Protein backbone atom coordinates (compact mmCIF):
# COMPACT_ATOMS: atom_id res chain seq x y z
CA MET A 1 -55.73 109.33 -48.05
CA PHE A 2 -53.23 110.63 -45.52
CA ALA A 3 -49.85 109.13 -44.81
CA CYS A 4 -47.34 110.01 -42.15
CA THR A 5 -44.51 108.05 -40.59
CA HIS A 6 -46.50 108.01 -37.35
CA TYR A 7 -49.16 105.99 -39.15
CA LEU A 8 -46.93 103.62 -41.09
CA PRO A 9 -47.59 99.93 -40.40
CA HIS A 10 -45.18 98.21 -38.05
CA GLY A 11 -41.92 97.41 -39.78
CA ARG A 12 -42.34 100.08 -42.48
CA SER A 13 -40.05 103.08 -42.46
CA ASP A 14 -40.00 104.35 -46.06
CA LEU A 15 -42.83 106.85 -46.47
CA SER A 16 -42.27 107.33 -50.21
CA THR A 17 -42.55 103.61 -51.00
CA TYR A 18 -45.54 103.21 -48.69
CA LEU A 19 -47.33 106.17 -50.31
CA ARG A 20 -46.71 104.78 -53.83
CA GLU A 21 -48.03 101.36 -52.79
CA GLN A 22 -51.16 102.85 -51.21
CA VAL A 23 -51.93 105.01 -54.26
CA ALA A 24 -51.45 102.03 -56.60
CA ALA A 25 -53.73 99.86 -54.44
CA TYR A 26 -56.40 102.58 -54.30
CA LEU A 27 -56.40 103.00 -58.09
CA GLU A 28 -56.72 99.25 -58.60
CA SER A 29 -59.66 98.98 -56.17
CA SER A 30 -61.59 102.06 -57.34
CA LYS A 31 -62.85 103.59 -60.55
CA VAL A 32 -60.74 106.71 -60.13
CA PRO A 33 -58.86 107.36 -63.39
CA GLY A 34 -55.98 109.24 -61.78
CA TYR A 35 -54.58 110.19 -58.42
CA LEU A 36 -52.13 112.77 -57.13
CA ALA A 37 -51.03 112.59 -53.52
CA GLY A 38 -48.53 114.70 -51.65
CA VAL A 39 -47.18 114.58 -48.14
CA TYR A 40 -44.83 117.03 -46.47
CA HIS A 41 -43.19 115.50 -43.43
CA ALA A 42 -40.00 116.21 -41.48
CA GLY A 43 -38.79 118.72 -44.06
CA GLN A 44 -39.27 116.39 -47.01
CA GLN A 45 -41.90 116.44 -49.74
CA PHE A 46 -43.24 113.21 -51.22
CA VAL A 47 -45.42 113.36 -54.34
CA VAL A 48 -46.99 110.42 -56.18
CA ALA A 49 -48.88 110.76 -59.46
CA ARG A 50 -50.56 107.77 -61.12
CA GLY A 51 -53.19 107.18 -63.77
CA LEU A 52 -54.79 109.70 -66.10
CA ALA A 53 -55.26 113.43 -65.64
CA ASN A 54 -57.64 113.57 -68.61
CA VAL A 55 -59.58 110.49 -69.71
CA VAL A 56 -60.55 112.09 -73.04
CA THR A 57 -57.04 112.92 -74.21
CA GLY A 58 -55.26 110.19 -72.26
CA ALA A 59 -52.91 112.72 -70.69
CA PRO A 60 -51.08 111.14 -67.76
CA MET A 61 -51.20 112.44 -64.21
CA ARG A 62 -47.86 114.08 -63.40
CA ASP A 63 -46.25 115.43 -60.26
CA ASP A 64 -46.86 118.96 -61.53
CA THR A 65 -50.43 118.48 -62.81
CA GLY A 66 -52.44 121.57 -61.87
CA PHE A 67 -55.98 121.55 -60.50
CA LEU A 68 -58.56 124.31 -60.32
CA PHE A 69 -60.01 124.45 -56.84
CA GLY A 70 -62.57 127.16 -57.46
CA SER A 71 -64.31 128.56 -54.41
CA ILE A 72 -63.28 125.64 -52.18
CA THR A 73 -60.00 127.45 -51.50
CA LYS A 74 -61.90 129.81 -49.18
CA VAL A 75 -63.01 126.86 -47.06
CA LEU A 76 -59.50 125.38 -47.00
CA THR A 77 -57.93 128.72 -46.07
CA THR A 78 -60.47 129.30 -43.29
CA THR A 79 -59.89 125.82 -41.91
CA LEU A 80 -56.13 126.33 -41.84
CA VAL A 81 -56.46 129.73 -40.17
CA LEU A 82 -58.83 128.40 -37.50
CA GLN A 83 -56.55 125.52 -36.60
């Protein structure tokens, strides 16, 4: 999911509220236990964390929940460099 004020529906101007609504709707319509989304736009950072980070322990998803990317970081770095 990607959100940016350029892509907000007509009449919507609050990116943070829109992002929270979209994450909540996605969680309700999917079987994803947790979701963490972040957008950096116009010098501001918006982070939304919902659901569970760990379904076994019931630990909630938080704004500072860490993720191990493994070897995918090489692909992400290469993509950013080539852009």
